[in-house]
């Protein structure tokens, strides 16, 4: 996962907690990121600045 612009540290930490939790469940990187972003949006600020900078890169398969 990488970012397209500078991001807020606090929102990034929260989003990454959600992301890694989804990866632990066996989700692919892109599915885990999507789920994390949706959870972040539902619980926090909806402005894209806080969650939309993140994109998955590389192999999208689940981490084994």
C-alpha atoms as a PDB file:
ATOM      1  CA  UNK A   1       0.000   0.000   0.000  1.00  0.00           C
ATOM      2  CA  UNK A   2       1.269   3.448  -0.843  1.00  0.00           C
ATOM      3  CA  UNK A   3      -0.150   6.973  -0.827  1.00  0.00           C
ATOM      4  CA  UNK A   4      -0.765   9.490  -3.571  1.00  0.00           C
ATOM      5  CA  UNK A   5      -0.270  12.526  -1.288  1.00  0.00           C
ATOM      6  CA  UNK A   6       0.884  13.393   2.231  1.00  0.00           C
ATOM      7  CA  UNK A   7      -1.465  11.934   4.806  1.00  0.00           C
ATOM      8  CA  UNK A   8      -2.568  12.652   8.353  1.00  0.00           C
ATOM      9  CA  UNK A   9      -0.692  10.488  10.898  1.00  0.00           C
ATOM     10  CA  UNK A  10      -3.661   9.846  13.177  1.00  0.00           C
ATOM     11  CA  UNK A  11      -6.085   8.847  10.433  1.00  0.00           C
ATOM     12  CA  UNK A  12      -3.395   6.700   8.791  1.00  0.00           C
ATOM     13  CA  UNK A  13      -2.738   4.794  12.014  1.00  0.00           C
ATOM     14  CA  UNK A  14      -6.437   4.024  12.398  1.00  0.00           C
ATOM     15  CA  UNK A  15      -6.906   3.059   8.765  1.00  0.00           C
ATOM     16  CA  UNK A  16      -3.866   0.762   8.880  1.00  0.00           C
ATOM     17  CA  UNK A  17      -5.219  -0.997  11.983  1.00  0.00           C
ATOM     18  CA  UNK A  18      -8.363  -1.828  10.006  1.00  0.00           C
ATOM     19  CA  UNK A  19      -6.304  -2.814   6.950  1.00  0.00           C
ATOM     20  CA  UNK A  20      -4.023  -5.245   8.787  1.00  0.00           C
ATOM     21  CA  UNK A  21      -6.972  -6.771  10.618  1.00  0.00           C
ATOM     22  CA  UNK A  22      -8.543  -7.548   7.241  1.00  0.00           C
ATOM     23  CA  UNK A  23      -5.284  -9.005   5.933  1.00  0.00           C
ATOM     24  CA  UNK A  24      -5.135 -11.299   8.962  1.00  0.00           C
ATOM     25  CA  UNK A  25      -8.581 -12.584   7.967  1.00  0.00           C
ATOM     26  CA  UNK A  26      -7.072 -13.681   4.649  1.00  0.00           C
ATOM     27  CA  UNK A  27      -8.367 -10.884   2.438  1.00  0.00           C
ATOM     28  CA  UNK A  28      -6.399  -9.788  -0.610  1.00  0.00           C
ATOM     29  CA  UNK A  29      -4.626  -6.426  -0.337  1.00  0.00           C
ATOM     30  CA  UNK A  30      -7.154  -4.603  -2.479  1.00  0.00           C
ATOM     31  CA  UNK A  31     -10.140  -6.120  -0.650  1.00  0.00           C
ATOM     32  CA  UNK A  32      -8.544  -5.403   2.736  1.00  0.00           C
ATOM     33  CA  UNK A  33      -7.877  -1.789   1.794  1.00  0.00           C
ATOM     34  CA  UNK A  34     -11.428  -1.327   0.516  1.00  0.00           C
ATOM     35  CA  UNK A  35     -12.896  -2.809   3.698  1.00  0.00           C
ATOM     36  CA  UNK A  36     -10.608  -0.635   5.839  1.00  0.00           C
ATOM     37  CA  UNK A  37     -11.575   2.503   3.942  1.00  0.00           C
ATOM     38  CA  UNK A  38     -15.279   1.727   4.230  1.00  0.00           C
ATOM     39  CA  UNK A  39     -14.934   1.094   7.963  1.00  0.00           C
ATOM     40  CA  UNK A  40     -12.968   4.309   8.402  1.00  0.00           C
ATOM     41  CA  UNK A  41     -15.624   6.270   6.502  1.00  0.00           C
ATOM     42  CA  UNK A  42     -18.429   4.777   8.595  1.00  0.00           C
ATOM     43  CA  UNK A  43     -16.719   5.622  11.903  1.00  0.00           C
ATOM     44  CA  UNK A  44     -14.917   8.881  11.125  1.00  0.00           C
ATOM     45  CA  UNK A  45     -14.603  11.809   8.793  1.00  0.00           C
ATOM     46  CA  UNK A  46     -15.954  11.147   5.357  1.00  0.00           C
ATOM     47  CA  UNK A  47     -13.712  13.643   3.601  1.00  0.00           C
ATOM     48  CA  UNK A  48     -11.513  11.793   1.086  1.00  0.00           C
ATOM     49  CA  UNK A  49      -8.366  13.540   2.355  1.00  0.00           C
ATOM     50  CA  UNK A  50      -8.317  11.134   5.290  1.00  0.00           C
ATOM     51  CA  UNK A  51      -8.722   7.833   3.421  1.00  0.00           C
ATOM     52  CA  UNK A  52      -8.512   8.190  -0.371  1.00  0.00           C
ATOM     53  CA  UNK A  53      -4.745   8.669  -0.720  1.00  0.00           C
ATOM     54  CA  UNK A  54      -4.084   4.966  -0.203  1.00  0.00           C
ATOM     55  CA  UNK A  55      -3.732   2.568  -3.131  1.00  0.00           C
ATOM     56  CA  UNK A  56      -2.650  -1.072  -3.239  1.00  0.00           C
ATOM     57  CA  UNK A  57       0.408  -1.937  -5.317  1.00  0.00           C
ATOM     58  CA  UNK A  58       2.091  -5.167  -6.344  1.00  0.00           C
ATOM     59  CA  UNK A  59       0.691  -8.658  -5.957  1.00  0.00           C
ATOM     60  CA  UNK A  60      -2.909  -8.495  -4.710  1.00  0.00           C
ATOM     61  CA  UNK A  61      -3.067 -12.067  -3.451  1.00  0.00           C
ATOM     62  CA  UNK A  62      -3.676 -12.684   0.233  1.00  0.00           C
ATOM     63  CA  UNK A  63      -0.587 -12.795   2.418  1.00  0.00           C
ATOM     64  CA  UNK A  64       0.217 -16.343   3.532  1.00  0.00           C
END
